[in-house]
């Protein structure tokens, strides 16, 4: 049975729909402004990065950066045939490149003339980029012979040092000319067990210095001792003694006018290279060897 409408009216009840609108509070909770702000920060970062690159790079580096982003770079590399690579488009077996066979000179890629001028004749002639080593060694041998004769004449003319002539030996080696100052049972160049030169030996090394100071050859000094041991090797031993005598000889040569940059090696080998192999205790094993080394090839001279 149908319900009876109020007030005796059979009309259906009215339905009221209420719509509620929520205000946006000015829109400040929206997300659009965040996107815009992020774009702004990104643009500013890119701007400051660009400013930093402009200030921190030179013109060549800026051009390299520009070429990297240039759209024509790929086409350039495709058409360059390797000319922008390590060898600049040339091949290893070209006549002027690195010599890998007898017909190649290698002068263009491997040498630079002294006056920085190029050409097909670089490295040839009287004053080429590198002197012939065999010719330099031949010249050095002549200078060594001249020095030897001069030093022997000086010793012979000095009555005080003439008696030391037998303690001086000249030996031609594969490295150059070696001057051995050798002790014996009656004479020692240094005080016993010390690095102090005796007066006659000091004068002798000074005479050697005056004979070699005007030469250009590098110098190597090597000290040797006999096999006589020390009581306490922690206080002094033959390694320390041979090295100290080499250094004392270097100082005396330097005081005699030999330039410091000519000294290439100062060594002490103790009793490891005896002159008298059969008797390591022989006093003749005590010696200092001054070697005038062959000059190396020099550029532009």
Protein backbone atom coordinates (compact mmCIF):
# COMPACT_ATOMS: atom_id res chain seq x y z
CA UNK A 1 0.00 0.00 0.00
CA UNK A 2 1.61 3.34 -1.07
CA UNK A 3 2.64 5.72 1.59
CA UNK A 4 0.53 8.68 1.92
CA UNK A 5 2.06 12.01 1.08
CA UNK A 6 2.14 14.62 3.82
CA UNK A 7 -0.71 17.01 4.09
CA UNK A 8 -2.84 14.68 2.07
CA UNK A 9 -0.97 15.57 -1.16
CA UNK A 10 -0.09 12.73 -3.46
CA UNK A 11 2.75 14.64 -5.21
CA UNK A 12 6.29 13.06 -4.81
CA UNK A 13 8.72 14.77 -2.43
CA UNK A 14 11.11 17.32 -3.81
CA UNK A 15 14.84 16.43 -4.12
CA UNK A 16 17.22 19.29 -3.33
CA UNK A 17 20.83 19.04 -4.69
CA UNK A 18 23.32 21.23 -2.89
CA UNK A 19 26.59 22.05 -4.75
CA UNK A 20 29.61 23.12 -2.69
CA UNK A 21 32.47 24.97 -4.41
CA UNK A 22 35.98 24.79 -2.77
CA UNK A 23 37.98 27.94 -3.27
CA UNK A 24 41.62 27.59 -4.57
CA UNK A 25 42.94 30.07 -2.01
CA UNK A 26 44.57 32.17 -4.70
CA UNK A 27 46.02 29.19 -6.60
CA UNK A 28 49.28 29.09 -4.60
CA UNK A 29 48.92 25.35 -4.03
CA UNK A 30 49.03 24.62 -7.76
CA UNK A 31 52.08 23.10 -9.61
CA UNK A 32 52.43 25.27 -12.70
CA UNK A 33 54.70 27.81 -11.02
CA UNK A 34 57.13 25.08 -9.96
CA UNK A 35 57.66 24.06 -13.58
CA UNK A 36 58.30 27.64 -14.56
CA UNK A 37 60.74 28.13 -11.70
CA UNK A 38 62.63 24.96 -12.59
CA UNK A 39 62.96 26.18 -16.17
CA UNK A 40 64.29 29.50 -14.90
CA UNK A 41 66.89 27.84 -12.64
CA UNK A 42 68.02 25.55 -15.46
CA UNK A 43 68.41 28.50 -17.80
CA UNK A 44 70.42 30.43 -15.20
CA UNK A 45 72.67 27.43 -14.58
CA UNK A 46 73.30 27.10 -18.31
CA UNK A 47 74.01 30.83 -18.52
CA UNK A 48 76.57 30.77 -15.70
CA UNK A 49 78.15 27.62 -17.14
CA UNK A 50 78.54 29.42 -20.46
CA UNK A 51 80.10 32.43 -18.73
CA UNK A 52 82.54 30.16 -16.90
CA UNK A 53 83.54 28.40 -20.10
CA UNK A 54 84.15 31.71 -21.85
CA UNK A 55 86.39 32.87 -19.03
CA UNK A 56 88.27 29.62 -18.43
CA UNK A 57 89.16 28.66 -22.00
CA UNK A 58 91.28 30.17 -24.73
CA UNK A 59 90.27 30.81 -28.29
CA UNK A 60 91.50 27.46 -29.55
CA UNK A 61 89.57 25.56 -26.89
CA UNK A 62 86.41 27.56 -27.55
CA UNK A 63 86.69 26.75 -31.25
CA UNK A 64 87.06 23.07 -30.41
CA UNK A 65 83.90 23.24 -28.29
CA UNK A 66 82.03 25.01 -31.06
CA UNK A 67 83.18 22.45 -33.61
CA UNK A 68 82.02 19.65 -31.33
CA UNK A 69 78.45 20.94 -31.35
CA UNK A 70 78.52 22.02 -35.01
CA UNK A 71 76.21 19.90 -37.17
CA UNK A 72 78.78 19.88 -39.97
CA UNK A 73 81.42 18.17 -37.83
CA UNK A 74 80.30 14.66 -38.71
CA UNK A 75 80.36 15.43 -42.40
CA UNK A 76 83.81 17.01 -42.03
CA UNK A 77 85.17 13.88 -40.36
CA UNK A 78 83.66 11.69 -43.04
CA UNK A 79 85.32 13.71 -45.81
CA UNK A 80 88.67 14.44 -44.11
CA UNK A 81 90.19 10.99 -44.77
CA UNK A 82 92.07 11.06 -41.48
CA UNK A 83 93.73 14.46 -41.99
CA UNK A 84 92.60 15.57 -38.54
CA UNK A 85 94.01 12.50 -36.82
CA UNK A 86 97.34 11.72 -35.16
CA UNK A 87 99.37 11.56 -38.36
CA UNK A 88 97.58 14.47 -40.08
CA UNK A 89 96.46 12.37 -43.03
CA UNK A 90 99.92 11.02 -43.81
CA UNK A 91 101.09 7.42 -43.73
CA UNK A 92 103.87 5.80 -41.73
CA UNK A 93 105.64 4.56 -44.85
CA UNK A 94 105.99 7.96 -46.52
CA UNK A 95 109.60 8.95 -47.31
CA UNK A 96 109.74 11.74 -44.72
CA UNK A 97 107.95 9.97 -41.91
CA UNK A 98 109.23 7.65 -39.19
CA UNK A 99 111.95 5.48 -40.79
CA UNK A 100 110.98 1.82 -40.96
CA UNK A 101 113.10 0.97 -43.98
CA UNK A 102 116.38 2.11 -45.49
CA UNK A 103 114.78 4.49 -48.00
CA UNK A 104 113.17 6.66 -45.32
CA UNK A 105 114.93 9.60 -43.71
CA UNK A 106 112.46 10.47 -40.98
CA UNK A 107 113.71 14.07 -40.99
CA UNK A 108 110.32 15.76 -41.21
CA UNK A 109 108.53 13.91 -38.43
CA UNK A 110 111.40 13.18 -36.06
CA UNK A 111 113.78 16.18 -36.10
CA UNK A 112 113.51 19.92 -35.70
CA UNK A 113 116.27 22.16 -37.11
CA UNK A 114 117.95 24.63 -34.79
CA UNK A 115 116.55 27.66 -36.60
CA UNK A 116 113.03 26.13 -36.75
CA UNK A 117 113.03 26.20 -40.56
CA UNK A 118 111.91 23.12 -42.46
CA UNK A 119 112.88 21.72 -45.80
CA UNK A 120 113.89 18.53 -47.51
CA UNK A 121 117.56 18.90 -46.50
CA UNK A 122 117.01 19.12 -42.74
CA UNK A 123 119.69 17.19 -40.88
CA UNK A 124 122.29 17.25 -43.68
CA UNK A 125 125.32 19.38 -44.34
CA UNK A 126 128.14 20.57 -42.12
CA UNK A 127 125.77 21.79 -39.41
CA UNK A 128 122.90 19.34 -39.53
CA UNK A 129 120.40 18.80 -36.76
CA UNK A 130 122.43 15.94 -35.24
CA UNK A 131 126.21 15.60 -35.38
CA UNK A 132 127.69 12.32 -36.53
CA UNK A 133 128.59 10.38 -33.37
CA UNK A 134 131.54 8.60 -34.95
CA UNK A 135 133.01 11.94 -36.02
CA UNK A 136 132.50 13.36 -32.53
CA UNK A 137 134.23 10.38 -30.91
CA UNK A 138 137.16 10.73 -33.32
CA UNK A 139 137.44 14.38 -32.34
CA UNK A 140 137.22 13.44 -28.66
CA UNK A 141 140.04 10.92 -29.03
CA UNK A 142 142.26 13.62 -30.50
CA UNK A 143 141.41 15.90 -27.60
CA UNK A 144 142.12 13.09 -25.12
CA UNK A 145 145.55 12.49 -26.64
CA UNK A 146 146.32 16.21 -26.52
CA UNK A 147 145.20 16.41 -22.90
CA UNK A 148 147.30 13.37 -21.97
CA UNK A 149 150.43 14.86 -23.53
CA UNK A 150 149.83 18.21 -21.84
CA UNK A 151 149.29 16.66 -18.41
CA UNK A 152 152.35 14.43 -18.70
CA UNK A 153 154.46 17.43 -19.72
CA UNK A 154 153.19 19.43 -16.73
CA UNK A 155 154.02 16.62 -14.32
CA UNK A 156 157.48 16.15 -15.82
CA UNK A 157 158.20 19.88 -15.50
CA UNK A 158 157.14 19.95 -11.84
CA UNK A 159 159.86 18.36 -9.77
CA UNK A 160 157.49 17.97 -6.84
CA UNK A 161 154.92 16.00 -8.85
CA UNK A 162 157.27 14.19 -11.23
CA UNK A 163 157.62 11.36 -8.73
CA UNK A 164 153.84 10.82 -8.88
CA UNK A 165 153.85 10.17 -12.63
CA UNK A 166 154.00 6.43 -12.07
CA UNK A 167 150.81 6.67 -10.02
CA UNK A 168 148.89 8.16 -12.96
CA UNK A 169 147.63 5.83 -15.70
CA UNK A 170 145.74 6.73 -18.87
CA UNK A 171 143.40 4.03 -20.19
CA UNK A 172 141.31 4.33 -23.34
CA UNK A 173 137.91 2.65 -22.77
CA UNK A 174 134.73 2.29 -24.73
CA UNK A 175 133.26 5.13 -22.66
CA UNK A 176 136.14 7.58 -23.09
CA UNK A 177 139.52 8.29 -21.50
CA UNK A 178 140.06 7.07 -17.92
CA UNK A 179 142.70 8.64 -15.68
CA UNK A 180 143.57 6.27 -12.81
CA UNK A 181 145.22 7.73 -9.70
CA UNK A 182 146.67 4.59 -8.10
CA UNK A 183 148.16 3.94 -4.66
CA UNK A 184 150.94 1.50 -3.88
CA UNK A 185 152.72 0.18 -0.80
CA UNK A 186 154.87 3.33 -0.46
CA UNK A 187 152.34 6.02 -1.29
CA UNK A 188 148.64 6.75 -0.73
CA UNK A 189 146.62 9.58 -2.26
CA UNK A 190 144.48 9.84 0.87
CA UNK A 191 145.15 9.66 4.55
CA UNK A 192 144.85 6.13 5.87
CA UNK A 193 141.16 5.25 6.21
CA UNK A 194 140.05 8.85 5.46
CA UNK A 195 138.77 10.97 2.58
CA UNK A 196 141.39 13.71 3.08
CA UNK A 197 143.79 14.19 0.15
CA UNK A 198 147.48 14.40 1.02
CA UNK A 199 149.13 17.65 -0.20
CA UNK A 200 150.90 16.10 -3.21
CA UNK A 201 147.73 14.35 -4.39
CA UNK A 202 145.77 17.57 -3.92
CA UNK A 203 148.23 19.38 -6.21
CA UNK A 204 148.10 16.51 -8.72
CA UNK A 205 144.30 16.57 -8.98
CA UNK A 206 144.48 20.36 -9.28
CA UNK A 207 146.81 19.89 -12.26
CA UNK A 208 144.36 17.40 -13.78
CA UNK A 209 141.59 19.98 -13.32
CA UNK A 210 143.57 22.63 -15.18
CA UNK A 211 144.11 20.20 -18.06
CA UNK A 212 140.44 19.19 -18.51
CA UNK A 213 138.48 22.27 -17.43
CA UNK A 214 138.26 23.71 -20.95
CA UNK A 215 136.93 20.48 -22.46
CA UNK A 216 133.22 19.76 -22.97
CA UNK A 217 133.21 16.08 -22.09
CA UNK A 218 131.07 14.79 -19.19
CA UNK A 219 133.00 13.36 -16.25
CA UNK A 220 132.52 10.20 -14.21
CA UNK A 221 134.46 9.57 -10.99
CA UNK A 222 134.67 6.13 -9.39
CA UNK A 223 136.36 5.32 -6.09
CA UNK A 224 137.96 1.95 -5.30
CA UNK A 225 139.39 0.44 -2.12
CA UNK A 226 141.23 -2.72 -1.20
CA UNK A 227 139.54 -5.50 0.77
CA UNK A 228 140.99 -4.63 4.18
CA UNK A 229 137.95 -4.48 6.50
CA UNK A 230 137.15 -2.02 9.27
CA UNK A 231 136.77 -2.98 12.91
CA UNK A 232 133.22 -1.60 13.12
CA UNK A 233 131.56 -1.51 9.67
CA UNK A 234 128.69 0.56 11.09
CA UNK A 235 131.05 3.47 11.74
CA UNK A 236 132.99 3.21 8.47
CA UNK A 237 133.22 0.67 5.69
CA UNK A 238 134.75 0.40 2.24
CA UNK A 239 131.53 1.51 0.52
CA UNK A 240 131.48 4.73 2.49
CA UNK A 241 135.20 5.25 2.02
CA UNK A 242 135.17 4.75 -1.77
CA UNK A 243 132.14 7.03 -2.20
CA UNK A 244 133.67 9.68 0.06
CA UNK A 245 136.95 9.67 -1.85
CA UNK A 246 135.06 10.07 -5.14
CA UNK A 247 133.25 13.08 -3.73
CA UNK A 248 136.50 14.56 -2.37
CA UNK A 249 138.01 14.22 -5.85
CA UNK A 250 134.97 15.89 -7.41
CA UNK A 251 135.24 18.82 -4.99
CA UNK A 252 138.92 19.29 -5.82
CA UNK A 253 138.25 19.23 -9.57
CA UNK A 254 135.45 21.73 -9.11
CA UNK A 255 137.74 23.98 -7.08
CA UNK A 256 140.21 23.72 -9.97
CA UNK A 257 137.75 25.22 -12.44
CA UNK A 258 135.75 22.23 -13.74
CA UNK A 259 132.11 23.25 -14.13
CA UNK A 260 129.70 21.46 -11.82
CA UNK A 261 127.26 20.48 -14.60
CA UNK A 262 129.93 18.32 -16.26
CA UNK A 263 129.92 15.76 -13.45
CA UNK A 264 127.62 12.98 -14.58
CA UNK A 265 128.24 10.16 -12.09
CA UNK A 266 130.06 9.98 -8.76
CA UNK A 267 130.40 6.37 -7.63
CA UNK A 268 131.99 4.25 -4.96
CA UNK A 269 132.38 0.51 -5.61
CA UNK A 270 134.43 -0.48 -2.51
CA UNK A 271 136.59 -3.54 -3.31
CA UNK A 272 134.23 -5.02 -5.94
CA UNK A 273 136.43 -4.15 -8.95
CA UNK A 274 140.02 -4.88 -7.92
CA UNK A 275 142.89 -4.02 -10.24
CA UNK A 276 144.91 -6.92 -8.83
CA UNK A 277 142.32 -9.67 -9.03
CA UNK A 278 144.49 -12.35 -7.45
CA UNK A 279 145.13 -10.27 -4.33
CA UNK A 280 142.16 -8.10 -3.23
CA UNK A 281 144.27 -6.79 -0.30
CA UNK A 282 146.95 -5.34 -2.60
CA UNK A 283 147.28 -1.56 -1.99
CA UNK A 284 147.24 -0.93 -5.74
CA UNK A 285 143.53 -1.72 -5.64
CA UNK A 286 143.09 1.62 -3.84
CA UNK A 287 142.53 4.13 -6.60
CA UNK A 288 140.30 6.88 -7.97
CA UNK A 289 139.29 6.74 -11.64
CA UNK A 290 138.43 10.01 -13.43
CA UNK A 291 136.81 9.21 -16.79
CA UNK A 292 136.29 11.78 -19.53
CA UNK A 293 133.23 10.43 -21.33
CA UNK A 294 132.54 10.76 -25.03
CA UNK A 295 130.17 13.58 -25.88
CA UNK A 296 126.69 12.69 -26.98
CA UNK A 297 125.07 13.88 -30.21
CA UNK A 298 123.99 17.51 -29.87
CA UNK A 299 121.17 19.26 -31.70
CA UNK A 300 122.02 22.22 -33.87
CA UNK A 301 125.74 22.29 -33.00
